[in-house]
């Protein structure tokens, strides 16, 4: 009896090790080996390991400028995001009004909007000849455009604030909603004015959420690529843009790899700071009842809020509205506006501007997004299962390591890896599929793993008692319970893959051009009408693909459940 139990325990332990080893073996081949190539290119010279390449790189004034400017724009972007996002979080917490749920949902929009479409929107709306400058010149009779933000530090900062101010709003709204209203009421009873109660009671309690949001936003802005590349130009390049230029423009792979290694060190430090910030500042206050809210608008002072909301609408809605309006209003080749540019982007005349046909870029995007989403789901579920059967902090660090590497460095690693065996045997398209899967499977893990760990173990044990094997128990018990989380994770990965441009810019070869990269090339060629039509098409395809994914997934799961 004891011997049989020991054999069963040994088999179970062996199965757990095998299950944990599968995703680790995949990452060893697809991630750690390519990353090792970056080490080889950056730290090996004439067949020996050396740090000789890093010293001159750090002494290079251009490289030092890259790091200094990247940190400066990230800091300013974080501060402006705080200045715009804090009032929005306050507004969502303190007031009730029709459409509040829609406004709260809008704060998630930047996470699925492709960055290149935002960059294009800023060109069309805030540009010298953009919609906002044209309106201001007409209203005030100005001869020159009053706003000059493109190809400047402030253009980058403003675009980053567009993306990240909603992050602050969500953090502030969540933290403020969890506070106990009795704290402020006690101050009012003691005669403390509202501004003083806010400064002495509410603000200190909100600081943990503010610091946590600031750490996250700083990391996101530090690793931003598409916006600095499009709105900054060579003069306002960041470290990410510098790595791209060394690798793809100058073909200086050793220098690109060395700069990538330096950035990895900085990224790891920032990631460590964010994790520590999340743990140290992540507490919540217990509350006795929800915070009271006021109807809006209900007082004359709310006129200031209305003015602030109008200004925010200009920033957040103007660029996206400009993209759609430009696609329909800009004439092409003497033809009247309307659908002219939509017809134009599918004509062979546009092929030289993007290096392939627009239909070809659409096909590449859909293929890469579909394959990478499936791979991200498989890898995410495998990683979640491995951490479930073999919980270990060291294993979790290894399995989630791609989160600590930026998109540009990952693209560089795969670019170098696909130049030599064993990955050189695969078509170049699979380098992009692999890059997207590695970038987005951690999101799958973040969505699926908490729900999986929250399932009642007795359900699986009951299936095992009735004779089901471990895999069959997963398919018949756990998978249906995880179906909603898998659909959400798949839709999220699909949307992110369709809009991702960084890895595509690093790995693009020949006709391997995705929709975001085609938009960037149209934008670089000043073909704004074509870029706007492609951007509108990308947004529509992203929404349609996500909806189709969920519909097909629900039908499949329903059919499987009936079977």
Protein backbone atom coordinates (compact mmCIF):
# COMPACT_ATOMS: atom_id res chain seq x y z
CA UNK A 1 0.00 0.00 0.00
CA UNK A 2 2.74 2.43 1.00
CA UNK A 3 4.81 1.44 -2.04
CA UNK A 4 1.87 2.06 -4.39
CA UNK A 5 1.26 5.46 -2.81
CA UNK A 6 4.95 6.33 -3.17
CA UNK A 7 4.91 5.33 -6.86
CA UNK A 8 1.78 7.41 -7.44
CA UNK A 9 3.38 10.39 -5.70
CA UNK A 10 6.54 9.97 -7.76
CA UNK A 11 4.53 9.82 -11.01
CA UNK A 12 2.58 12.90 -10.01
CA UNK A 13 5.80 14.78 -9.20
CA UNK A 14 7.28 13.67 -12.51
CA UNK A 15 4.17 14.85 -14.36
CA UNK A 16 4.37 18.21 -12.57
CA UNK A 17 8.03 18.63 -13.53
CA UNK A 18 7.21 17.68 -17.14
CA UNK A 19 4.31 20.15 -17.26
CA UNK A 20 6.53 22.93 -15.89
CA UNK A 21 9.31 21.97 -18.27
CA UNK A 22 7.25 22.34 -21.47
CA UNK A 23 6.82 26.16 -21.44
CA UNK A 24 10.31 26.55 -20.01
CA UNK A 25 11.79 24.52 -22.88
CA UNK A 26 9.83 26.59 -25.40
CA UNK A 27 11.06 29.84 -23.85
CA UNK A 28 14.61 28.50 -23.79
CA UNK A 29 14.51 28.08 -27.57
CA UNK A 30 12.32 31.04 -28.51
CA UNK A 31 13.39 33.66 -25.95
CA UNK A 32 16.49 32.90 -23.90
CA UNK A 33 18.52 31.61 -26.87
CA UNK A 34 17.77 34.72 -29.01
CA UNK A 35 18.49 36.93 -26.00
CA UNK A 36 21.80 35.11 -25.63
CA UNK A 37 22.60 36.22 -29.18
CA UNK A 38 22.24 39.82 -28.05
CA UNK A 39 24.78 39.09 -25.31
CA UNK A 40 27.12 37.56 -27.86
CA UNK A 41 26.87 40.51 -30.22
CA UNK A 42 27.18 43.05 -27.43
CA UNK A 43 29.81 41.48 -25.16
CA UNK A 44 31.99 39.35 -27.48
CA UNK A 45 34.72 40.83 -29.61
CA UNK A 46 37.22 38.81 -31.63
CA UNK A 47 36.07 35.58 -29.99
CA UNK A 48 36.39 36.67 -26.36
CA UNK A 49 34.06 38.11 -23.74
CA UNK A 50 34.74 41.75 -23.00
CA UNK A 51 33.08 44.93 -21.75
CA UNK A 52 35.19 47.01 -24.10
CA UNK A 53 32.21 47.89 -26.28
CA UNK A 54 30.14 49.25 -23.37
CA UNK A 55 32.70 51.81 -22.19
CA UNK A 56 32.91 53.78 -25.45
CA UNK A 57 29.16 53.47 -25.81
CA UNK A 58 28.55 55.10 -22.42
CA UNK A 59 31.10 57.78 -23.28
CA UNK A 60 29.38 58.56 -26.59
CA UNK A 61 27.60 61.94 -26.25
CA UNK A 62 24.79 60.75 -28.54
CA UNK A 63 24.07 57.67 -26.41
CA UNK A 64 24.16 59.71 -23.21
CA UNK A 65 21.76 62.15 -24.87
CA UNK A 66 19.45 59.24 -25.74
CA UNK A 67 19.25 58.09 -22.12
CA UNK A 68 18.93 61.64 -20.75
CA UNK A 69 16.20 62.60 -23.21
CA UNK A 70 14.34 59.32 -22.68
CA UNK A 71 14.30 59.85 -18.93
CA UNK A 72 13.30 63.53 -19.31
CA UNK A 73 10.38 62.87 -21.66
CA UNK A 74 9.21 59.97 -19.46
CA UNK A 75 9.28 62.21 -16.37
CA UNK A 76 7.45 65.09 -18.08
CA UNK A 77 4.94 62.68 -19.63
CA UNK A 78 4.26 61.20 -16.19
CA UNK A 79 3.71 64.62 -14.64
CA UNK A 80 1.39 65.79 -17.43
CA UNK A 81 -0.51 62.48 -17.28
CA UNK A 82 -0.97 63.06 -13.55
CA UNK A 83 -2.16 66.64 -14.11
CA UNK A 84 -4.76 65.49 -16.65
CA UNK A 85 -5.73 62.17 -15.10
CA UNK A 86 -6.14 63.21 -11.46
CA UNK A 87 -9.09 65.57 -12.13
CA UNK A 88 -10.74 62.89 -14.28
CA UNK A 89 -10.41 60.37 -11.44
CA UNK A 90 -11.80 62.96 -9.02
CA UNK A 91 -14.72 63.69 -11.36
CA UNK A 92 -15.61 60.00 -11.75
CA UNK A 93 -15.50 59.51 -7.98
CA UNK A 94 -17.36 62.59 -6.76
CA UNK A 95 -20.16 63.06 -9.29
CA UNK A 96 -23.01 61.07 -10.82
CA UNK A 97 -24.31 61.90 -14.27
CA UNK A 98 -25.78 60.19 -17.34
CA UNK A 99 -23.12 58.27 -19.27
CA UNK A 100 -20.77 57.85 -16.31
CA UNK A 101 -20.29 54.16 -17.11
CA UNK A 102 -19.42 55.03 -20.72
CA UNK A 103 -16.87 57.60 -19.57
CA UNK A 104 -15.33 55.08 -17.18
CA UNK A 105 -15.11 52.54 -20.00
CA UNK A 106 -13.47 55.16 -22.21
CA UNK A 107 -10.47 55.18 -19.88
CA UNK A 108 -9.64 51.69 -21.26
CA UNK A 109 -9.60 52.88 -24.89
CA UNK A 110 -5.91 53.88 -25.03
CA UNK A 111 -4.89 50.29 -24.21
CA UNK A 112 -6.33 48.97 -27.50
CA UNK A 113 -5.68 51.98 -29.77
CA UNK A 114 -2.62 51.32 -31.99
CA UNK A 115 0.06 53.92 -31.12
CA UNK A 116 0.66 54.77 -34.77
CA UNK A 117 -2.99 55.82 -35.18
CA UNK A 118 -2.58 58.16 -32.20
CA UNK A 119 0.61 59.61 -33.74
CA UNK A 120 -1.24 60.15 -37.03
CA UNK A 121 -4.13 61.78 -35.17
CA UNK A 122 -1.74 64.21 -33.50
CA UNK A 123 -0.25 65.12 -36.89
CA UNK A 124 -3.68 65.83 -38.33
CA UNK A 125 -5.12 67.62 -35.30
CA UNK A 126 -2.18 69.46 -33.71
CA UNK A 127 0.00 69.90 -36.83
CA UNK A 128 0.86 73.29 -38.28
CA UNK A 129 -1.88 72.83 -40.88
CA UNK A 130 -3.99 70.64 -38.61
CA UNK A 131 -7.62 71.02 -37.66
CA UNK A 132 -6.97 72.80 -34.34
CA UNK A 133 -4.51 75.35 -35.74
CA UNK A 134 -6.81 76.00 -38.71
CA UNK A 135 -9.73 76.65 -36.36
CA UNK A 136 -7.69 78.96 -34.12
CA UNK A 137 -6.41 80.93 -37.10
CA UNK A 138 -9.94 81.45 -38.41
CA UNK A 139 -11.34 82.46 -35.03
CA UNK A 140 -8.55 84.87 -34.08
CA UNK A 141 -7.50 85.96 -37.57
CA UNK A 142 -3.90 84.77 -37.16
CA UNK A 143 -1.45 84.61 -40.05
CA UNK A 144 0.69 81.84 -38.50
CA UNK A 145 -0.35 78.67 -36.68
CA UNK A 146 -0.31 79.45 -32.92
CA UNK A 147 0.47 75.86 -31.81
CA UNK A 148 3.77 74.25 -32.78
CA UNK A 149 4.06 70.95 -30.95
CA UNK A 150 5.08 68.47 -33.64
CA UNK A 151 8.71 67.32 -33.88
CA UNK A 152 9.32 68.61 -30.37
CA UNK A 153 9.59 67.36 -26.83
CA UNK A 154 6.11 68.61 -26.01
CA UNK A 155 4.52 66.78 -28.92
CA UNK A 156 5.85 63.51 -27.51
CA UNK A 157 4.81 64.43 -23.97
CA UNK A 158 1.31 65.42 -25.07
CA UNK A 159 0.81 62.16 -27.01
CA UNK A 160 2.04 60.13 -24.03
CA UNK A 161 -0.39 62.01 -21.80
CA UNK A 162 -3.19 61.03 -24.21
CA UNK A 163 -2.32 57.40 -23.53
CA UNK A 164 -1.49 57.50 -19.84
CA UNK A 165 -3.75 60.12 -18.24
CA UNK A 166 -6.55 57.48 -18.18
CA UNK A 167 -4.16 55.21 -16.22
CA UNK A 168 -3.97 57.82 -13.46
CA UNK A 169 -7.73 58.34 -13.66
CA UNK A 170 -8.43 54.63 -13.08
CA UNK A 171 -5.91 54.36 -10.23
CA UNK A 172 -7.28 57.49 -8.52
CA UNK A 173 -10.91 56.47 -9.03
CA UNK A 174 -10.29 52.96 -7.63
CA UNK A 175 -8.32 54.24 -4.63
CA UNK A 176 -10.65 57.14 -3.82
CA UNK A 177 -13.76 54.95 -4.09
CA UNK A 178 -12.29 52.64 -1.44
CA UNK A 179 -11.81 55.40 1.16
CA UNK A 180 -14.08 55.67 4.16
CA UNK A 181 -16.20 58.87 3.96
CA UNK A 182 -16.22 59.02 7.76
CA UNK A 183 -12.65 60.37 7.65
CA UNK A 184 -13.61 63.54 5.79
CA UNK A 185 -16.83 63.86 7.76
CA UNK A 186 -14.88 63.80 11.01
CA UNK A 187 -12.77 66.68 9.73
CA UNK A 188 -15.89 68.65 8.81
CA UNK A 189 -17.30 68.13 12.32
CA UNK A 190 -14.06 69.54 13.72
CA UNK A 191 -14.40 72.63 11.54
CA UNK A 192 -11.77 71.71 8.94
CA UNK A 193 -12.41 73.28 5.53
CA UNK A 194 -12.79 71.04 2.47
CA UNK A 195 -9.45 72.07 0.88
CA UNK A 196 -7.61 71.47 4.14
CA UNK A 197 -9.38 68.13 4.69
CA UNK A 198 -8.35 67.08 1.20
CA UNK A 199 -4.70 68.06 1.78
CA UNK A 200 -4.41 66.56 5.26
CA UNK A 201 -6.68 63.49 5.03
CA UNK A 202 -7.61 62.44 1.49
CA UNK A 203 -4.41 63.20 -0.41
CA UNK A 204 -2.11 61.24 1.95
CA UNK A 205 -4.42 58.23 1.56
CA UNK A 206 -4.32 58.60 -2.23
CA UNK A 207 -0.53 58.86 -2.44
CA UNK A 208 0.02 55.07 -2.62
CA UNK A 209 -2.17 54.85 -5.74
CA UNK A 210 -0.53 57.93 -7.23
CA UNK A 211 2.99 56.59 -6.71
CA UNK A 212 2.02 53.20 -8.12
CA UNK A 213 0.44 54.79 -11.21
CA UNK A 214 3.43 57.11 -11.64
CA UNK A 215 5.85 54.18 -11.55
CA UNK A 216 3.84 52.31 -14.19
CA UNK A 217 3.42 55.33 -16.47
CA UNK A 218 7.11 56.21 -16.25
CA UNK A 219 8.05 52.68 -17.36
CA UNK A 220 5.56 52.79 -20.24
CA UNK A 221 6.82 56.18 -21.44
CA UNK A 222 10.47 55.16 -21.05
CA UNK A 223 9.88 52.15 -23.33
CA UNK A 224 7.65 53.96 -25.84
CA UNK A 225 8.69 53.57 -29.48
CA UNK A 226 6.06 54.43 -32.11
CA UNK A 227 5.19 57.88 -30.71
CA UNK A 228 8.80 59.17 -30.34
CA UNK A 229 9.68 57.71 -33.76
CA UNK A 230 6.73 59.39 -35.48
CA UNK A 231 6.44 62.67 -33.55
CA UNK A 232 10.03 63.27 -32.48
CA UNK A 233 12.17 62.53 -35.49
CA UNK A 234 15.92 61.97 -35.28
CA UNK A 235 16.48 65.01 -33.04
CA UNK A 236 14.13 63.75 -30.32
CA UNK A 237 15.00 60.06 -30.47
CA UNK A 238 14.73 57.82 -27.41
CA UNK A 239 16.78 54.75 -26.50
CA UNK A 240 14.23 52.50 -28.22
CA UNK A 241 14.50 54.55 -31.41
CA UNK A 242 18.30 54.55 -31.11
CA UNK A 243 18.43 50.73 -31.00
CA UNK A 244 16.15 50.57 -34.02
CA UNK A 245 18.29 53.04 -35.99
CA UNK A 246 21.54 51.23 -35.19
CA UNK A 247 20.07 47.85 -36.19
CA UNK A 248 17.84 48.66 -39.18
CA UNK A 249 19.22 51.93 -40.59
CA UNK A 250 22.97 51.67 -39.94
CA UNK A 251 23.09 47.82 -39.75
CA UNK A 252 25.47 48.17 -36.78
CA UNK A 253 24.32 45.08 -34.90
CA UNK A 254 27.13 45.05 -32.29
CA UNK A 255 26.37 48.62 -31.25
CA UNK A 256 22.61 47.98 -31.29
CA UNK A 257 23.12 44.88 -29.12
CA UNK A 258 25.35 46.75 -26.66
CA UNK A 259 22.81 49.57 -26.39
CA UNK A 260 20.08 46.96 -25.94
CA UNK A 261 21.99 45.40 -23.04
CA UNK A 262 22.29 48.77 -21.33
CA UNK A 263 18.58 49.31 -21.79
CA UNK A 264 17.82 45.87 -20.33
CA UNK A 265 19.69 46.85 -17.17
CA UNK A 266 17.67 50.05 -16.90
CA UNK A 267 14.44 48.17 -17.66
CA UNK A 268 15.12 45.60 -14.96
CA UNK A 269 15.77 48.39 -12.45
CA UNK A 270 12.52 50.13 -13.44
CA UNK A 271 10.57 46.85 -13.31
CA UNK A 272 11.98 46.11 -9.85
CA UNK A 273 11.01 49.59 -8.67
CA UNK A 274 7.48 49.17 -10.04
CA UNK A 275 7.04 45.77 -8.38
CA UNK A 276 8.31 47.16 -5.09
CA UNK A 277 6.04 50.19 -5.51
CA UNK A 278 3.05 47.96 -6.15
CA UNK A 279 3.78 45.93 -3.04
CA UNK A 280 4.65 48.84 -0.77
CA UNK A 281 1.93 51.23 -1.94
CA UNK A 282 -0.72 48.74 -2.88
CA UNK A 283 -2.82 48.76 0.30
CA UNK A 284 -6.47 49.78 0.46
CA UNK A 285 -8.45 51.43 3.16
CA UNK A 286 -11.47 49.69 4.69
CA UNK A 287 -14.67 51.69 4.38
CA UNK A 288 -17.97 51.62 6.22
CA UNK A 289 -20.09 52.76 3.23
CA UNK A 290 -19.62 54.15 -0.28
CA UNK A 291 -18.50 57.72 -0.82
CA UNK A 292 -21.43 60.11 -1.34
CA UNK A 293 -21.75 61.56 -4.84
CA UNK A 294 -23.28 64.77 -6.14
CA UNK A 295 -25.46 65.21 -9.24
CA UNK A 296 -23.69 66.92 -12.12
CA UNK A 297 -24.25 69.64 -13.10
CA UNK A 298 -26.10 71.01 -10.12
CA UNK A 299 -24.21 74.15 -9.02
CA UNK A 300 -22.86 77.27 -10.77
CA UNK A 301 -19.31 76.24 -9.79
CA UNK A 302 -19.70 73.18 -12.03
CA UNK A 303 -19.21 75.50 -15.00
CA UNK A 304 -15.46 75.15 -14.36
CA UNK A 305 -15.80 71.38 -14.61
CA UNK A 306 -17.67 71.77 -17.89
CA UNK A 307 -14.84 73.90 -19.30
CA UNK A 308 -12.29 71.32 -18.13
CA UNK A 309 -14.30 68.51 -19.74
CA UNK A 310 -14.46 70.41 -23.01
CA UNK A 311 -10.70 70.91 -22.96
CA UNK A 312 -10.15 67.23 -22.22
CA UNK A 313 -12.47 66.28 -25.07
CA UNK A 314 -10.32 68.34 -27.44
CA UNK A 315 -7.22 66.41 -26.37
CA UNK A 316 -8.70 62.91 -26.21
CA UNK A 317 -11.32 62.95 -28.97
CA UNK A 318 -9.83 65.47 -31.39
CA UNK A 319 -6.94 63.32 -32.76
CA UNK A 320 -9.10 60.24 -33.36
CA UNK A 321 -11.90 62.30 -34.91
CA UNK A 322 -9.29 63.96 -37.14
CA UNK A 323 -8.18 60.57 -38.51
CA UNK A 324 -11.72 59.59 -39.54
CA UNK A 325 -12.56 63.06 -40.87
CA UNK A 326 -9.36 63.27 -42.92
CA UNK A 327 -9.99 59.90 -44.57
CA UNK A 328 -13.37 61.15 -45.85
CA UNK A 329 -12.64 64.84 -46.49
CA UNK A 330 -9.21 64.93 -48.17
CA UNK A 331 -9.44 64.94 -52.00
CA UNK A 332 -7.23 62.65 -54.06
CA UNK A 333 -5.98 63.16 -57.62
CA UNK A 334 -8.72 65.64 -58.38
CA UNK A 335 -11.44 63.30 -57.24
CA UNK A 336 -14.10 64.53 -54.80
CA UNK A 337 -13.72 63.55 -51.13
CA UNK A 338 -15.63 60.65 -49.70
CA UNK A 339 -14.42 57.13 -50.34
CA UNK A 340 -11.65 58.23 -52.71
CA UNK A 341 -8.79 57.39 -50.34
CA UNK A 342 -10.33 54.05 -49.43
CA UNK A 343 -10.28 53.18 -53.11
CA UNK A 344 -6.79 54.63 -53.46
CA UNK A 345 -5.15 52.50 -50.78
CA UNK A 346 -6.17 49.36 -52.66
CA UNK A 347 -4.78 50.55 -55.98
CA UNK A 348 -1.29 49.51 -57.19
CA UNK A 349 -0.26 53.19 -57.23
CA UNK A 350 0.21 53.07 -53.45
CA UNK A 351 2.47 49.99 -53.40
CA UNK A 352 5.81 51.86 -53.74
CA UNK A 353 5.10 53.90 -50.61
CA UNK A 354 4.85 50.89 -48.28
CA UNK A 355 6.92 48.24 -50.08
CA UNK A 356 3.97 45.93 -50.73
CA UNK A 357 0.28 46.11 -51.59
CA UNK A 358 -2.15 47.36 -48.93
CA UNK A 359 -4.07 44.09 -49.33
CA UNK A 360 -0.82 42.23 -48.66
CA UNK A 361 -0.25 44.18 -45.45
CA UNK A 362 -3.83 43.43 -44.38
CA UNK A 363 -3.28 39.72 -45.00
CA UNK A 364 0.02 39.73 -43.08
CA UNK A 365 -1.58 41.50 -40.11
CA UNK A 366 -4.49 39.08 -39.89
CA UNK A 367 -2.28 36.00 -40.25
CA UNK A 368 0.25 37.21 -37.68
CA UNK A 369 -2.46 38.32 -35.23
CA UNK A 370 -4.36 35.04 -35.49
CA UNK A 371 -1.33 32.77 -35.16
CA UNK A 372 0.28 34.81 -32.40
CA UNK A 373 -2.97 34.92 -30.42
CA UNK A 374 -3.31 31.13 -30.56
CA UNK A 375 0.32 30.71 -29.55
CA UNK A 376 -0.03 33.28 -26.74
CA UNK A 377 -3.09 31.43 -25.41
CA UNK A 378 -1.32 28.07 -25.50
CA UNK A 379 1.79 29.48 -23.86
CA UNK A 380 -0.20 31.48 -21.32
CA UNK A 381 -2.28 28.47 -20.29
CA UNK A 382 0.87 26.32 -20.13
CA UNK A 383 2.65 28.84 -17.93
CA UNK A 384 -0.41 29.19 -15.68
CA UNK A 385 -0.63 25.39 -15.36
CA UNK A 386 3.08 25.09 -14.60
CA UNK A 387 2.90 27.72 -11.84
CA UNK A 388 -0.24 26.04 -10.50
CA UNK A 389 1.30 22.58 -10.08
CA UNK A 390 4.77 23.81 -9.16
CA UNK A 391 4.51 27.19 -7.39
CA UNK A 392 7.96 28.74 -7.21
CA UNK A 393 9.12 32.35 -7.26
CA UNK A 394 12.24 31.43 -9.27
CA UNK A 395 10.16 29.49 -11.83
CA UNK A 396 7.72 32.40 -12.12
CA UNK A 397 10.58 34.82 -12.80
CA UNK A 398 11.89 32.55 -15.57
CA UNK A 399 8.50 31.93 -17.15
CA UNK A 400 7.53 35.63 -17.09
CA UNK A 401 10.96 36.94 -18.12
CA UNK A 402 9.78 38.44 -21.46
CA UNK A 403 7.93 41.11 -19.45
CA UNK A 404 11.30 42.60 -18.47
CA UNK A 405 12.47 43.03 -22.08
CA UNK A 406 11.26 45.83 -24.33
CA UNK A 407 9.69 45.22 -27.73
CA UNK A 408 12.68 46.68 -29.57
CA UNK A 409 15.20 44.49 -27.74
CA UNK A 410 13.02 41.42 -28.29
CA UNK A 411 12.74 42.32 -31.97
CA UNK A 412 16.52 42.71 -32.17
CA UNK A 413 17.04 39.36 -30.45
CA UNK A 414 14.73 37.55 -32.88
CA UNK A 415 16.21 39.43 -35.86
CA UNK A 416 19.65 38.10 -34.95
CA UNK A 417 18.35 34.62 -34.04
CA UNK A 418 16.52 34.12 -37.33
CA UNK A 419 19.78 34.74 -39.18
CA UNK A 420 21.27 31.44 -37.94
CA UNK A 421 20.14 27.84 -37.17
CA UNK A 422 17.86 26.48 -35.88
CA UNK A 423 15.43 29.39 -36.32
CA UNK A 424 16.81 30.38 -39.73
CA UNK A 425 14.98 27.36 -41.19
CA UNK A 426 11.62 29.01 -40.44
CA UNK A 427 9.93 31.61 -42.71
CA UNK A 428 10.54 35.21 -41.64
CA UNK A 429 6.84 35.69 -40.88
CA UNK A 430 7.15 33.36 -37.91
CA UNK A 431 9.68 35.66 -36.30
CA UNK A 432 6.92 38.27 -36.01
CA UNK A 433 4.40 35.67 -34.83
CA UNK A 434 6.87 34.57 -32.17
CA UNK A 435 7.60 38.16 -31.13
CA UNK A 436 3.91 38.98 -30.66
CA UNK A 437 3.25 35.76 -28.75
CA UNK A 438 6.16 36.46 -26.40
CA UNK A 439 5.03 40.05 -25.89
CA UNK A 440 1.41 39.22 -25.11
CA UNK A 441 1.29 35.82 -23.39
CA UNK A 442 2.10 37.45 -20.00
CA UNK A 443 -1.25 39.28 -20.32
CA UNK A 444 -2.93 35.91 -20.82
CA UNK A 445 -1.27 34.64 -17.64
CA UNK A 446 -2.37 37.74 -15.71
CA UNK A 447 -5.99 37.22 -16.80
CA UNK A 448 -6.28 33.41 -16.60
CA UNK A 449 -4.10 32.49 -13.63
CA UNK A 450 -6.02 34.30 -10.82
CA UNK A 451 -9.33 32.83 -12.00
CA UNK A 452 -7.83 29.35 -12.35
CA UNK A 453 -6.37 29.49 -8.84
CA UNK A 454 -9.77 30.58 -7.53
CA UNK A 455 -11.56 27.47 -8.79
CA UNK A 456 -12.70 24.94 -6.20
CA UNK A 457 -10.24 21.98 -6.22
CA UNK A 458 -13.05 19.60 -5.19
CA UNK A 459 -14.58 19.78 -8.70
CA UNK A 460 -11.45 18.39 -10.33
CA UNK A 461 -11.01 15.82 -7.56
CA UNK A 462 -14.59 14.62 -8.14
CA UNK A 463 -13.87 14.12 -11.85
CA UNK A 464 -10.67 12.24 -11.01
CA UNK A 465 -12.60 10.05 -8.57
CA UNK A 466 -15.03 9.15 -11.37
CA UNK A 467 -12.12 7.90 -13.49
CA UNK A 468 -11.18 10.98 -15.55
CA UNK A 469 -7.50 11.55 -16.19
CA UNK A 470 -5.84 14.86 -15.39
CA UNK A 471 -6.04 16.13 -18.96
CA UNK A 472 -9.67 15.03 -19.38
CA UNK A 473 -10.57 16.63 -16.05
CA UNK A 474 -9.09 19.87 -17.33
CA UNK A 475 -11.07 19.71 -20.60
CA UNK A 476 -14.39 18.78 -19.00
CA UNK A 477 -14.25 20.75 -15.73
CA UNK A 478 -11.68 23.54 -15.69
CA UNK A 479 -11.65 24.65 -19.35
CA UNK A 480 -15.41 25.50 -19.46
CA UNK A 481 -15.03 27.44 -16.20
CA UNK A 482 -12.06 29.33 -17.68
CA UNK A 483 -13.77 29.95 -21.02
CA UNK A 484 -14.72 33.57 -20.34
CA UNK A 485 -11.22 34.43 -19.14
CA UNK A 486 -9.74 32.72 -22.22
CA UNK A 487 -12.04 34.68 -24.52
CA UNK A 488 -11.10 37.97 -22.85
CA UNK A 489 -7.39 37.11 -22.98
CA UNK A 490 -7.63 36.06 -26.62
CA UNK A 491 -9.51 39.20 -27.65
CA UNK A 492 -7.01 41.38 -25.77
CA UNK A 493 -4.02 39.63 -27.39
CA UNK A 494 -5.63 39.87 -30.84
CA UNK A 495 -6.23 43.61 -30.50
CA UNK A 496 -2.70 44.24 -29.24
CA UNK A 497 -1.17 42.16 -32.03
CA UNK A 498 -3.10 43.99 -34.75
CA UNK A 499 -1.87 47.36 -33.44
CA UNK A 500 1.73 46.43 -32.55
CA UNK A 501 4.37 48.20 -34.64
CA UNK A 502 7.64 48.01 -32.68
CA UNK A 503 8.52 44.37 -33.34
CA UNK A 504 7.20 44.71 -36.91
CA UNK A 505 9.57 47.63 -37.55
CA UNK A 506 12.51 45.56 -36.29
CA UNK A 507 11.60 42.34 -38.11
CA UNK A 508 10.07 43.64 -41.34
CA UNK A 509 11.74 42.11 -44.39
CA UNK A 510 10.62 42.60 -47.98
CA UNK A 511 6.84 42.31 -48.19
CA UNK A 512 6.44 41.41 -44.50
CA UNK A 513 4.59 44.66 -43.74
CA UNK A 514 1.76 44.88 -41.21
CA UNK A 515 -0.99 47.51 -41.21
CA UNK A 516 0.62 49.69 -38.48
CA UNK A 517 3.92 49.65 -40.37
CA UNK A 518 2.10 50.53 -43.62
CA UNK A 519 0.46 53.49 -41.85
CA UNK A 520 3.86 54.67 -40.59
CA UNK A 521 5.33 54.47 -44.09
CA UNK A 522 2.40 56.40 -45.56
CA UNK A 523 2.86 58.98 -42.80
CA UNK A 524 6.60 59.24 -43.51
CA UNK A 525 5.81 59.75 -47.21
CA UNK A 526 3.32 62.52 -46.26
CA UNK A 527 0.46 60.54 -47.78
CA UNK A 528 -1.93 61.62 -45.06
CA UNK A 529 -5.09 60.60 -46.89
CA UNK A 530 -3.82 57.05 -47.41
CA UNK A 531 -2.54 56.90 -43.82
CA UNK A 532 -5.92 58.06 -42.47
CA UNK A 533 -7.84 55.53 -44.56
CA UNK A 534 -5.50 52.73 -43.46
CA UNK A 535 -5.75 53.84 -39.81
CA UNK A 536 -9.56 53.89 -39.94
CA UNK A 537 -9.42 50.46 -41.56
CA UNK A 538 -7.10 49.19 -38.82
CA UNK A 539 -9.39 50.43 -36.06
CA UNK A 540 -12.41 48.85 -37.75
CA UNK A 541 -10.62 45.53 -38.36
CA UNK A 542 -9.41 45.44 -34.75
CA UNK A 543 -12.95 45.88 -33.42
CA UNK A 544 -14.39 43.38 -35.94
CA UNK A 545 -11.66 40.79 -35.31
CA UNK A 546 -12.13 40.95 -31.55
CA UNK A 547 -15.92 40.63 -31.94
CA UNK A 548 -15.51 37.70 -34.37
CA UNK A 549 -13.03 36.00 -32.04
CA UNK A 550 -15.47 36.18 -29.15
CA UNK A 551 -18.40 35.00 -31.32
CA UNK A 552 -16.51 32.02 -32.70
CA UNK A 553 -15.15 31.18 -29.28
CA UNK A 554 -18.59 31.23 -27.69
CA UNK A 555 -20.05 29.04 -30.48
CA UNK A 556 -17.20 26.55 -30.15
CA UNK A 557 -17.54 26.35 -26.38
CA UNK A 558 -21.33 26.02 -26.65
CA UNK A 559 -21.00 23.22 -29.20
CA UNK A 560 -18.38 21.50 -27.06
CA UNK A 561 -20.61 21.75 -24.01
CA UNK A 562 -23.56 20.24 -25.87
CA UNK A 563 -21.37 17.41 -27.13
